[in-house]
C-alpha atoms as a PDB file:
ATOM      1  CA  MET A   1     144.080  69.060  62.576  1.00  0.00           C
ATOM      2  CA  SER A   2     146.328  71.333  65.046  1.00  0.00           C
ATOM      3  CA  VAL A   3     145.255  72.165  67.857  1.00  0.00           C
ATOM      4  CA  HIS A   4     147.044  75.695  69.575  1.00  0.00           C
ATOM      5  CA  VAL A   5     146.300  76.031  73.453  1.00  0.00           C
ATOM      6  CA  THR A   6     147.581  78.562  74.772  1.00  0.00           C
ATOM      7  CA  VAL A   7     148.613  78.387  78.625  1.00  0.00           C
ATOM      8  CA  ARG A   8     147.874  81.402  80.849  1.00  0.00           C
ATOM      9  CA  PRO A   9     149.102  79.822  84.342  1.00  0.00           C
ATOM     10  CA  HIS A  10     147.454  82.280  87.444  1.00  0.00           C
ATOM     11  CA  GLY A  11     148.657  83.347  90.855  1.00  0.00           C
ATOM     12  CA  THR A  12     147.766  81.551  93.393  1.00  0.00           C
ATOM     13  CA  PRO A  13     143.951  82.781  94.889  1.00  0.00           C
ATOM     14  CA  VAL A  14     142.982  84.475  98.037  1.00  0.00           C
ATOM     15  CA  GLY A  15     142.995  82.402 100.720  1.00  0.00           C
ATOM     16  CA  GLU A  16     144.838  79.543  99.947  1.00  0.00           C
ATOM     17  CA  LYS A  17     148.964  79.358 100.903  1.00  0.00           C
ATOM     18  CA  VAL A  18     151.481  80.089  99.285  1.00  0.00           C
ATOM     19  CA  GLU A  19     155.116  78.512 100.272  1.00  0.00           C
ATOM     20  CA  ALA A  20     157.772  80.409 100.387  1.00  0.00           C
ATOM     21  CA  GLU A  21     159.696  78.266  98.240  1.00  0.00           C
ATOM     22  CA  ALA A  22     157.248  78.030  95.690  1.00  0.00           C
ATOM     23  CA  TYR A  23     158.451  81.906  94.312  1.00  0.00           C
ATOM     24  CA  VAL A  24     158.505  82.986  90.721  1.00  0.00           C
ATOM     25  CA  ALA A  25     161.423  85.334  90.381  1.00  0.00           C
ATOM     26  CA  GLN A  26     164.224  86.236  93.571  1.00  0.00           C
ATOM     27  CA  HIS A  27     167.183  87.688  94.110  1.00  0.00           C
ATOM     28  CA  GLY A  28     170.249  87.149  96.595  1.00  0.00           C
ATOM     29  CA  TRP A  29     170.569  83.226  96.767  1.00  0.00           C
ATOM     30  CA  ILE A  30     172.472  81.299  94.929  1.00  0.00           C
ATOM     31  CA  ASP A  31     169.480  79.169  93.314  1.00  0.00           C
ATOM     32  CA  GLY A  32     169.542  75.586  94.029  1.00  0.00           C
ATOM     33  CA  GLY A  33     171.833  76.375  96.721  1.00  0.00           C
ATOM     34  CA  ALA A  34     172.944  73.449 100.045  1.00  0.00           C
ATOM     35  CA  ASN A  35     170.930  76.834 102.699  1.00  0.00           C
ATOM     36  CA  PHE A  36     167.976  78.016 100.455  1.00  0.00           C
ATOM     37  CA  ILE A  37     165.785  75.859 100.258  1.00  0.00           C
ATOM     38  CA  GLU A  38     165.728  73.412 103.507  1.00  0.00           C
ATOM     39  CA  SER A  39     164.192  70.175 104.659  1.00  0.00           C
ATOM     40  CA  ASN A  40     162.075  71.464 107.261  1.00  0.00           C
ATOM     41  CA  ALA A  41     159.885  68.715 109.071  1.00  0.00           C
ATOM     42  CA  SER A  42     158.240  71.813 110.895  1.00  0.00           C
ATOM     43  CA  ALA A  43     157.797  73.812 107.718  1.00  0.00           C
ATOM     44  CA  SER A  44     154.401  73.722 106.201  1.00  0.00           C
ATOM     45  CA  GLY A  45     154.973  71.669 102.923  1.00  0.00           C
ATOM     46  CA  GLY A  46     159.086  70.051 104.784  1.00  0.00           C
ATOM     47  CA  LYS A  47     160.497  72.891 103.607  1.00  0.00           C
ATOM     48  CA  ASN A  48     161.298  76.807 104.250  1.00  0.00           C
ATOM     49  CA  VAL A  49     163.910  79.662 102.403  1.00  0.00           C
ATOM     50  CA  GLY A  50     166.115  80.299 105.046  1.00  0.00           C
ATOM     51  CA  TRP A  51     169.910  82.690 105.110  1.00  0.00           C
ATOM     52  CA  THR A  52     167.724  85.790 105.048  1.00  0.00           C
ATOM     53  CA  ALA A  53     170.092  87.857 104.693  1.00  0.00           C
ATOM     54  CA  ALA A  54     169.494  91.533 104.039  1.00  0.00           C
ATOM     55  CA  GLY A  55     168.714  93.109 100.043  1.00  0.00           C
ATOM     56  CA  ASN A  56     167.099  89.758  99.366  1.00  0.00           C
ATOM     57  CA  TRP A  57     163.940  89.017  97.955  1.00  0.00           C
ATOM     58  CA  LEU A  58     161.183  86.254  96.704  1.00  0.00           C
ATOM     59  CA  GLN A  59     157.805  87.275  93.816  1.00  0.00           C
ATOM     60  CA  TYR A  60     155.113  85.320  94.242  1.00  0.00           C
ATOM     61  CA  ARG A  61     151.771  85.740  92.475  1.00  0.00           C
ATOM     62  CA  VAL A  62     148.328  85.707  93.636  1.00  0.00           C
ATOM     63  CA  ASP A  63     145.087  86.261  92.155  1.00  0.00           C
ATOM     64  CA  VAL A  64     142.646  88.862  94.355  1.00  0.00           C
ATOM     65  CA  ALA A  65     139.411  88.576  92.687  1.00  0.00           C
ATOM     66  CA  GLU A  66     138.215  91.537  94.119  1.00  0.00           C
ATOM     67  CA  ALA A  67     140.348  94.089  94.964  1.00  0.00           C
ATOM     68  CA  GLY A  68     140.284  95.773  98.399  1.00  0.00           C
ATOM     69  CA  THR A  69     142.747  95.289 101.460  1.00  0.00           C
ATOM     70  CA  ASP A  70     143.664  92.000 102.559  1.00  0.00           C
ATOM     71  CA  ASP A  71     145.191  90.774 105.916  1.00  0.00           C
ATOM     72  CA  VAL A  72     148.994  88.904 105.104  1.00  0.00           C
ATOM     73  CA  GLU A  73     150.070  86.167 106.937  1.00  0.00           C
ATOM     74  CA  LEU A  74     153.790  85.681 106.966  1.00  0.00           C
ATOM     75  CA  ARG A  75     154.399  82.407 109.194  1.00  0.00           C
ATOM     76  CA  ALA A  76     157.959  82.608 109.789  1.00  0.00           C
ATOM     77  CA  ALA A  77     160.626  81.106 112.671  1.00  0.00           C
ATOM     78  CA  ASN A  78     163.326  83.401 114.258  1.00  0.00           C
ATOM     79  CA  GLY A  79     165.802  81.773 116.356  1.00  0.00           C
ATOM     80  CA  THR A  80     168.143  84.542 116.834  1.00  0.00           C
ATOM     81  CA  GLY A  81     167.391  85.736 120.452  1.00  0.00           C
ATOM     82  CA  ALA A  82     166.439  88.916 119.251  1.00  0.00           C
ATOM     83  CA  VAL A  83     163.177  90.155 117.292  1.00  0.00           C
ATOM     84  CA  ALA A  84     164.653  91.680 114.246  1.00  0.00           C
ATOM     85  CA  THR A  85     162.521  94.669 113.319  1.00  0.00           C
ATOM     86  CA  ASP A  86     161.116  95.166 110.079  1.00  0.00           C
ATOM     87  CA  ALA A  87     162.491  93.331 108.844  1.00  0.00           C
ATOM     88  CA  VAL A  88     160.353  91.726 105.929  1.00  0.00           C
ATOM     89  CA  SER A  89     158.730  94.271 103.783  1.00  0.00           C
ATOM     90  CA  LEU A  90     155.563  93.397 101.204  1.00  0.00           C
ATOM     91  CA  ARG A  91     156.295  95.372  97.995  1.00  0.00           C
ATOM     92  CA  ASP A  92     154.137  95.421  94.348  1.00  0.00           C
ATOM     93  CA  ALA A  93     154.839  95.280  91.332  1.00  0.00           C
ATOM     94  CA  SER A  94     155.935  98.497  91.159  1.00  0.00           C
ATOM     95  CA  GLY A  95     158.073  98.247  94.204  1.00  0.00           C
ATOM     96  CA  ALA A  96     155.907 100.370  96.645  1.00  0.00           C
ATOM     97  CA  VAL A  97     155.654  99.524  99.886  1.00  0.00           C
ATOM     98  CA  LEU A  98     152.435  97.953 101.328  1.00  0.00           C
ATOM     99  CA  ALA A  99     153.336  96.911 104.323  1.00  0.00           C
ATOM    100  CA  LYS A 100     156.381  96.856 107.055  1.00  0.00           C
ATOM    101  CA  VAL A 101     156.393  93.943 109.085  1.00  0.00           C
ATOM    102  CA  SER A 102     159.278  92.896 112.643  1.00  0.00           C
ATOM    103  CA  VAL A 103     159.451  88.488 112.408  1.00  0.00           C
ATOM    104  CA  PRO A 104     159.456  87.909 116.426  1.00  0.00           C
ATOM    105  CA  ASP A 105     161.940  85.646 118.007  1.00  0.00           C
ATOM    106  CA  THR A 106     160.277  82.481 117.944  1.00  0.00           C
ATOM    107  CA  GLY A 107     163.028  80.390 120.135  1.00  0.00           C
ATOM    108  CA  GLY A 108     164.775  78.348 117.160  1.00  0.00           C
ATOM    109  CA  TRP A 109     164.165  78.284 113.934  1.00  0.00           C
ATOM    110  CA  ALA A 110     162.323  75.567 113.183  1.00  0.00           C
ATOM    111  CA  THR A 111     159.482  77.330 115.649  1.00  0.00           C
ATOM    112  CA  TYR A 112     157.000  79.198 113.461  1.00  0.00           C
ATOM    113  CA  GLN A 113     154.575  82.082 113.929  1.00  0.00           C
ATOM    114  CA  SER A 114     151.973  83.574 112.367  1.00  0.00           C
ATOM    115  CA  ILE A 115     152.840  87.279 111.527  1.00  0.00           C
ATOM    116  CA  HIS A 116     150.527  89.751 110.681  1.00  0.00           C
ATOM    117  CA  ALA A 117     150.093  92.720 108.411  1.00  0.00           C
ATOM    118  CA  GLN A 118     146.591  94.999 106.339  1.00  0.00           C
ATOM    119  CA  VAL A 119     147.774  95.689 102.704  1.00  0.00           C
ATOM    120  CA  THR A 120     145.704  96.939  99.183  1.00  0.00           C
ATOM    121  CA  VAL A 121     145.609  95.049  96.748  1.00  0.00           C
ATOM    122  CA  PRO A 122     144.073  96.111  93.291  1.00  0.00           C
ATOM    123  CA  ALA A 123     142.475  93.095  91.379  1.00  0.00           C
ATOM    124  CA  GLY A 124     143.978  90.515  89.095  1.00  0.00           C
ATOM    125  CA  ASP A 125     147.042  89.206  89.066  1.00  0.00           C
ATOM    126  CA  GLN A 126     149.643  90.346  90.896  1.00  0.00           C
ATOM    127  CA  VAL A 127     152.682  90.043  91.700  1.00  0.00           C
ATOM    128  CA  ILE A 128     153.675  90.629  94.910  1.00  0.00           C
ATOM    129  CA  THR A 129     157.675  90.848  96.452  1.00  0.00           C
ATOM    130  CA  LEU A 130     158.629  90.062 100.077  1.00  0.00           C
ATOM    131  CA  PHE A 131     161.371  91.993 100.413  1.00  0.00           C
ATOM    132  CA  CYS A 132     164.146  91.397 102.893  1.00  0.00           C
ATOM    133  CA  GLU A 133     165.053  94.685 105.169  1.00  0.00           C
ATOM    134  CA  THR A 134     166.944  92.681 106.962  1.00  0.00           C
ATOM    135  CA  GLY A 135     167.892  89.066 107.526  1.00  0.00           C
ATOM    136  CA  GLY A 136     167.635  86.238 110.417  1.00  0.00           C
ATOM    137  CA  PHE A 137     164.754  84.377 109.792  1.00  0.00           C
ATOM    138  CA  ASN A 138     163.224  81.205 108.519  1.00  0.00           C
ATOM    139  CA  LEU A 139     159.739  81.381 105.833  1.00  0.00           C
ATOM    140  CA  ASP A 140     157.594  79.034 105.962  1.00  0.00           C
ATOM    141  CA  TYR A 141     154.723  80.479 103.891  1.00  0.00           C
ATOM    142  CA  LEU A 142     152.251  83.308 103.069  1.00  0.00           C
ATOM    143  CA  ARG A 143     148.610  84.265 102.473  1.00  0.00           C
ATOM    144  CA  LEU A 144     146.565  86.585 101.793  1.00  0.00           C
ATOM    145  CA  THR A 145     142.990  86.545 103.230  1.00  0.00           C
ATOM    146  CA  THR A 146     140.037  89.359 102.113  1.00  0.00           C
ATOM    147  CA  PRO A 147     138.444  89.891 106.186  1.00  0.00           C
END
């Protein structure tokens, strides 16, 4: 007897953290590069994505139970001494911008702060792209929650 198994992975459910290093696709960094995924004891899970630069992006899969407007929390650190204005855009699978956020100066590369924005996404397994409009920040995690 043979058994055929079909595996259909789903994205992270709304409400749960998506670690920055848990991307499904990326552009702009060298996979396995020494400065891409960094060990950082202050980061959730002990790692962060560092060395962000304009044009880099990370894609994540999220499983949205119900269509609507959700809060997205982006946990980031910025040790440049200045606000990274409109540094990150969150985009849907078609590339449409859902939200844009600035990353405040958090006082250090390991001092994380939550940044919030509202996004409207359809129900189902969705691809969300975190697009670096500028660089100069570290990423810890993102989380969608239903208000």
